[in-house]
Amino acid sequence: MTARHHAPTVSGRRPRAPRGAQRGSRLGLALAGLLLVLALPAKGQASEVLIEIDQLRNADGTVLIAVCDKASFLTPVCPYYGRTLVQENGRASMLFRDVTPGFYAVQVIHDEDADDEFDMVLGTVPTEGYGFSNNPEFMMGPPDFEEAAVQVNGDSLSIPVTLQYLFD
């Protein structure tokens, strides 16, 4: 048994709050705590992320879209991925639901021949359109993850990606 020490009173007993006051103050604290929790954004709340792609040069094939964490960036295996068709206006889009908060980079390929591969000449020069989130400028090789990274934080997010083609 744990001993509790209180300041002695004239009667030798600790003063008590009136019966209803204790219950009311506890209820008030509980309600205040609940309101505080509801007012704060939920930690780890999943987001909807809309990827909007433009500058597609034709409506051939499909558009491959991947939302990648740092470990999977520039690989074919990312936490979120999908494919869509090109719209007639040279645009495409895809909505990813339930994206966990964190930092991600979007990578997009216009797979014009729909072979699920990123076609290249001599194994290093892309022949199909490609792009990344933040639309970083790059000449020799792809951007670093940090250049293309965007933060997903529980809010809905729209990420524009403009495609580039090295050959017409």
C-alpha atoms as a PDB file:
ATOM      1  CA  MET A   1       0.000   0.000   0.000  1.00  0.00           C
ATOM      2  CA  THR A   2       1.322   3.441  -0.908  1.00  0.00           C
ATOM      3  CA  ALA A   3       1.219   6.159   1.718  1.00  0.00           C
ATOM      4  CA  ARG A   4      -0.273   9.489   0.728  1.00  0.00           C
ATOM      5  CA  HIS A   5       0.699  12.624   2.537  1.00  0.00           C
ATOM      6  CA  HIS A   6      -1.575  15.639   2.776  1.00  0.00           C
ATOM      7  CA  ALA A   7      -1.314  18.752   4.798  1.00  0.00           C
ATOM      8  CA  PRO A   8      -3.146  18.248   8.120  1.00  0.00           C
ATOM      9  CA  THR A   9      -6.314  20.201   8.761  1.00  0.00           C
ATOM     10  CA  VAL A  10      -8.062  21.198  11.955  1.00  0.00           C
ATOM     11  CA  SER A  11     -10.213  18.069  11.890  1.00  0.00           C
ATOM     12  CA  GLY A  12      -7.288  15.897  10.773  1.00  0.00           C
ATOM     13  CA  ARG A  13      -8.985  15.186   7.446  1.00  0.00           C
ATOM     14  CA  ARG A  14      -8.216  16.491   4.014  1.00  0.00           C
ATOM     15  CA  PRO A  15     -10.899  18.922   2.786  1.00  0.00           C
ATOM     16  CA  ARG A  16     -13.093  17.535   0.008  1.00  0.00           C
ATOM     17  CA  ALA A  17     -14.703  19.365  -2.842  1.00  0.00           C
ATOM     18  CA  PRO A  18     -18.493  19.377  -2.916  1.00  0.00           C
ATOM     19  CA  ARG A  19     -19.893  16.210  -4.526  1.00  0.00           C
ATOM     20  CA  GLY A  20     -20.994  17.678  -7.884  1.00  0.00           C
ATOM     21  CA  ALA A  21     -17.895  19.858  -8.230  1.00  0.00           C
ATOM     22  CA  GLN A  22     -15.492  16.901  -8.528  1.00  0.00           C
ATOM     23  CA  ARG A  23     -17.553  15.146 -11.149  1.00  0.00           C
ATOM     24  CA  GLY A  24     -18.148  18.382 -13.096  1.00  0.00           C
ATOM     25  CA  SER A  25     -14.487  19.362 -13.144  1.00  0.00           C
ATOM     26  CA  ARG A  26     -13.445  15.898 -14.345  1.00  0.00           C
ATOM     27  CA  LEU A  27     -16.064  15.984 -17.086  1.00  0.00           C
ATOM     28  CA  GLY A  28     -14.930  19.467 -18.080  1.00  0.00           C
ATOM     29  CA  LEU A  29     -11.313  18.345 -18.302  1.00  0.00           C
ATOM     30  CA  ALA A  30     -12.292  15.312 -20.340  1.00  0.00           C
ATOM     31  CA  LEU A  31     -14.314  17.431 -22.784  1.00  0.00           C
ATOM     32  CA  ALA A  32     -11.521  19.980 -23.076  1.00  0.00           C
ATOM     33  CA  GLY A  33      -9.052  17.197 -23.823  1.00  0.00           C
ATOM     34  CA  LEU A  34     -11.358  15.706 -26.450  1.00  0.00           C
ATOM     35  CA  LEU A  35     -11.795  19.078 -28.167  1.00  0.00           C
ATOM     36  CA  LEU A  36      -8.040  19.582 -28.189  1.00  0.00           C
ATOM     37  CA  VAL A  37      -7.471  16.177 -29.783  1.00  0.00           C
ATOM     38  CA  LEU A  38     -10.141  16.809 -32.433  1.00  0.00           C
ATOM     39  CA  ALA A  39      -8.647  20.211 -33.277  1.00  0.00           C
ATOM     40  CA  LEU A  40      -5.173  18.794 -33.931  1.00  0.00           C
ATOM     41  CA  PRO A  41      -4.415  17.210 -37.315  1.00  0.00           C
ATOM     42  CA  ALA A  42      -4.213  13.449 -37.094  1.00  0.00           C
ATOM     43  CA  LYS A  43      -0.644  12.246 -37.030  1.00  0.00           C
ATOM     44  CA  GLY A  44      -0.023   9.845 -39.869  1.00  0.00           C
ATOM     45  CA  GLN A  45      -3.260  10.768 -41.670  1.00  0.00           C
ATOM     46  CA  ALA A  46      -3.216   9.466 -45.242  1.00  0.00           C
ATOM     47  CA  SER A  47      -3.428  11.896 -48.152  1.00  0.00           C
ATOM     48  CA  GLU A  48      -4.885  12.041 -51.619  1.00  0.00           C
ATOM     49  CA  VAL A  49      -2.190  12.938 -54.139  1.00  0.00           C
ATOM     50  CA  LEU A  50      -3.181  14.013 -57.659  1.00  0.00           C
ATOM     51  CA  ILE A  51      -0.445  13.801 -60.303  1.00  0.00           C
ATOM     52  CA  GLU A  52      -1.138  16.097 -63.287  1.00  0.00           C
ATOM     53  CA  ILE A  53       1.040  15.515 -66.343  1.00  0.00           C
ATOM     54  CA  ASP A  54       1.307  17.807 -69.351  1.00  0.00           C
ATOM     55  CA  GLN A  55       3.343  18.189 -72.543  1.00  0.00           C
ATOM     56  CA  LEU A  56       2.603  14.646 -73.757  1.00  0.00           C
ATOM     57  CA  ARG A  57       3.482  14.789 -77.448  1.00  0.00           C
ATOM     58  CA  ASN A  58       0.881  12.265 -78.607  1.00  0.00           C
ATOM     59  CA  ALA A  59      -1.850   9.932 -77.373  1.00  0.00           C
ATOM     60  CA  ASP A  60       0.078   6.733 -78.092  1.00  0.00           C
ATOM     61  CA  GLY A  61       0.669   4.069 -75.459  1.00  0.00           C
ATOM     62  CA  THR A  62       0.258   4.661 -71.743  1.00  0.00           C
ATOM     63  CA  VAL A  63       1.659   6.873 -69.011  1.00  0.00           C
ATOM     64  CA  LEU A  64       3.478   5.116 -66.155  1.00  0.00           C
ATOM     65  CA  ILE A  65       3.421   7.030 -62.866  1.00  0.00           C
ATOM     66  CA  ALA A  66       5.272   6.174 -59.659  1.00  0.00           C
ATOM     67  CA  VAL A  67       5.317   7.952 -56.279  1.00  0.00           C
ATOM     68  CA  CYS A  68       8.599   6.882 -54.689  1.00  0.00           C
ATOM     69  CA  ASP A  69      10.252   7.208 -51.312  1.00  0.00           C
ATOM     70  CA  LYS A  70      13.999   7.835 -51.206  1.00  0.00           C
ATOM     71  CA  ALA A  71      14.894   4.139 -51.075  1.00  0.00           C
ATOM     72  CA  SER A  72      12.871   3.301 -54.200  1.00  0.00           C
ATOM     73  CA  PHE A  73      13.514   6.443 -56.275  1.00  0.00           C
ATOM     74  CA  LEU A  74      14.648   5.639 -59.850  1.00  0.00           C
ATOM     75  CA  THR A  75      13.708   1.982 -59.468  1.00  0.00           C
ATOM     76  CA  PRO A  76      10.695   0.208 -60.974  1.00  0.00           C
ATOM     77  CA  VAL A  77       9.359  -0.700 -57.505  1.00  0.00           C
ATOM     78  CA  CYS A  78       7.814   2.262 -55.662  1.00  0.00           C
ATOM     79  CA  PRO A  79       5.196   2.310 -52.877  1.00  0.00           C
ATOM     80  CA  TYR A  80       2.554   3.867 -55.169  1.00  0.00           C
ATOM     81  CA  TYR A  81       2.339   3.341 -58.920  1.00  0.00           C
ATOM     82  CA  GLY A  82      -0.125   3.101 -61.750  1.00  0.00           C
ATOM     83  CA  ARG A  83      -0.757   3.626 -65.417  1.00  0.00           C
ATOM     84  CA  THR A  84      -3.209   5.761 -67.308  1.00  0.00           C
ATOM     85  CA  LEU A  85      -4.042   6.744 -70.857  1.00  0.00           C
ATOM     86  CA  VAL A  86      -3.171  10.045 -72.484  1.00  0.00           C
ATOM     87  CA  GLN A  87      -6.080  12.429 -72.834  1.00  0.00           C
ATOM     88  CA  GLU A  88      -6.658  14.075 -76.202  1.00  0.00           C
ATOM     89  CA  ASN A  89      -5.362  17.430 -74.972  1.00  0.00           C
ATOM     90  CA  GLY A  90      -1.811  16.151 -74.336  1.00  0.00           C
ATOM     91  CA  ARG A  91      -2.448  15.704 -70.637  1.00  0.00           C
ATOM     92  CA  ALA A  92      -2.871  12.824 -68.224  1.00  0.00           C
ATOM     93  CA  SER A  93      -3.613  12.541 -64.515  1.00  0.00           C
ATOM     94  CA  MET A  94      -3.866   9.985 -61.768  1.00  0.00           C
ATOM     95  CA  LEU A  95      -5.181  10.182 -58.213  1.00  0.00           C
ATOM     96  CA  PHE A  96      -3.416   8.170 -55.518  1.00  0.00           C
ATOM     97  CA  ARG A  97      -5.440   7.629 -52.339  1.00  0.00           C
ATOM     98  CA  ASP A  98      -4.190   6.734 -48.857  1.00  0.00           C
ATOM     99  CA  VAL A  99      -0.630   7.989 -49.363  1.00  0.00           C
ATOM    100  CA  THR A 100       1.211   7.830 -46.050  1.00  0.00           C
ATOM    101  CA  PRO A 101       2.774  11.148 -44.932  1.00  0.00           C
ATOM    102  CA  GLY A 102       6.433  11.530 -45.812  1.00  0.00           C
ATOM    103  CA  PHE A 103       8.743  12.757 -48.562  1.00  0.00           C
ATOM    104  CA  TYR A 104       8.247  11.366 -52.061  1.00  0.00           C
ATOM    105  CA  ALA A 105       9.436  12.009 -55.609  1.00  0.00           C
ATOM    106  CA  VAL A 106       7.167  11.392 -58.568  1.00  0.00           C
ATOM    107  CA  GLN A 107       8.615   9.819 -61.707  1.00  0.00           C
ATOM    108  CA  VAL A 108       6.635   9.628 -64.953  1.00  0.00           C
ATOM    109  CA  ILE A 109       7.312   7.849 -68.253  1.00  0.00           C
ATOM    110  CA  HIS A 110       5.294   8.216 -71.448  1.00  0.00           C
ATOM    111  CA  ASP A 111       5.496   4.598 -72.584  1.00  0.00           C
ATOM    112  CA  GLU A 112       4.548   5.334 -76.193  1.00  0.00           C
ATOM    113  CA  ASP A 113       4.843   1.737 -77.395  1.00  0.00           C
ATOM    114  CA  ALA A 114       3.092   0.338 -74.265  1.00  0.00           C
ATOM    115  CA  ASP A 115       5.790  -2.288 -73.649  1.00  0.00           C
ATOM    116  CA  ASP A 116       6.159  -1.404 -69.926  1.00  0.00           C
ATOM    117  CA  GLU A 117       9.798  -0.430 -70.477  1.00  0.00           C
ATOM    118  CA  PHE A 118      11.628   2.882 -70.568  1.00  0.00           C
ATOM    119  CA  ASP A 119      13.115   2.716 -74.051  1.00  0.00           C
ATOM    120  CA  MET A 120      16.645   4.066 -74.546  1.00  0.00           C
ATOM    121  CA  VAL A 121      19.239   4.342 -77.293  1.00  0.00           C
ATOM    122  CA  LEU A 122      22.594   2.808 -76.375  1.00  0.00           C
ATOM    123  CA  GLY A 123      21.118   1.996 -72.965  1.00  0.00           C
ATOM    124  CA  THR A 124      21.538   5.554 -71.667  1.00  0.00           C
ATOM    125  CA  VAL A 125      19.614   8.061 -73.826  1.00  0.00           C
ATOM    126  CA  PRO A 126      15.796   8.025 -73.371  1.00  0.00           C
ATOM    127  CA  THR A 127      13.666   7.830 -76.503  1.00  0.00           C
ATOM    128  CA  GLU A 128      10.382   8.206 -74.604  1.00  0.00           C
ATOM    129  CA  GLY A 129       9.097  11.162 -72.606  1.00  0.00           C
ATOM    130  CA  TYR A 130       9.855  11.397 -68.910  1.00  0.00           C
ATOM    131  CA  GLY A 131       9.489  13.823 -66.024  1.00  0.00           C
ATOM    132  CA  PHE A 132       9.748  14.292 -62.268  1.00  0.00           C
ATOM    133  CA  SER A 133       7.962  16.199 -59.532  1.00  0.00           C
ATOM    134  CA  ASN A 134       9.223  19.782 -59.067  1.00  0.00           C
ATOM    135  CA  ASN A 135      10.170  19.685 -62.783  1.00  0.00           C
ATOM    136  CA  PRO A 136      13.902  19.933 -62.022  1.00  0.00           C
ATOM    137  CA  GLU A 137      16.287  20.978 -64.775  1.00  0.00           C
ATOM    138  CA  PHE A 138      18.757  18.273 -65.635  1.00  0.00           C
ATOM    139  CA  MET A 139      21.045  17.582 -68.560  1.00  0.00           C
ATOM    140  CA  MET A 140      23.210  14.584 -67.738  1.00  0.00           C
ATOM    141  CA  GLY A 141      21.205  11.934 -65.940  1.00  0.00           C
ATOM    142  CA  PRO A 142      18.181  12.069 -63.669  1.00  0.00           C
ATOM    143  CA  PRO A 143      17.790  14.462 -60.723  1.00  0.00           C
ATOM    144  CA  ASP A 144      18.671  13.591 -57.147  1.00  0.00           C
ATOM    145  CA  PHE A 145      15.815  12.559 -54.875  1.00  0.00           C
ATOM    146  CA  GLU A 146      16.083  15.867 -52.987  1.00  0.00           C
ATOM    147  CA  GLU A 147      15.557  17.868 -56.206  1.00  0.00           C
ATOM    148  CA  ALA A 148      12.316  16.042 -56.980  1.00  0.00           C
ATOM    149  CA  ALA A 149      11.039  15.453 -53.423  1.00  0.00           C
ATOM    150  CA  VAL A 150       7.708  16.806 -52.214  1.00  0.00           C
ATOM    151  CA  GLN A 151       6.198  16.506 -48.762  1.00  0.00           C
ATOM    152  CA  VAL A 152       2.928  14.669 -48.239  1.00  0.00           C
ATOM    153  CA  ASN A 153       1.493  15.725 -44.883  1.00  0.00           C
ATOM    154  CA  GLY A 154      -2.105  14.550 -44.603  1.00  0.00           C
ATOM    155  CA  ASP A 155      -3.635  17.251 -46.807  1.00  0.00           C
ATOM    156  CA  SER A 156      -4.766  16.743 -50.400  1.00  0.00           C
ATOM    157  CA  LEU A 157      -1.940  17.576 -52.771  1.00  0.00           C
ATOM    158  CA  SER A 158      -1.693  18.242 -56.503  1.00  0.00           C
ATOM    159  CA  ILE A 159       1.702  17.687 -58.150  1.00  0.00           C
ATOM    160  CA  PRO A 160       2.313  18.948 -61.702  1.00  0.00           C
ATOM    161  CA  VAL A 161       4.834  17.111 -63.897  1.00  0.00           C
ATOM    162  CA  THR A 162       5.923  18.429 -67.303  1.00  0.00           C
ATOM    163  CA  LEU A 163       7.345  15.764 -69.601  1.00  0.00           C
ATOM    164  CA  GLN A 164      10.535  16.151 -71.618  1.00  0.00           C
ATOM    165  CA  TYR A 165      11.471  14.400 -74.832  1.00  0.00           C
ATOM    166  CA  LEU A 166      15.050  14.311 -76.105  1.00  0.00           C
ATOM    167  CA  PHE A 167      14.012  13.235 -79.621  1.00  0.00           C
ATOM    168  CA  ASP A 168      11.069  14.420 -81.735  1.00  0.00           C
END
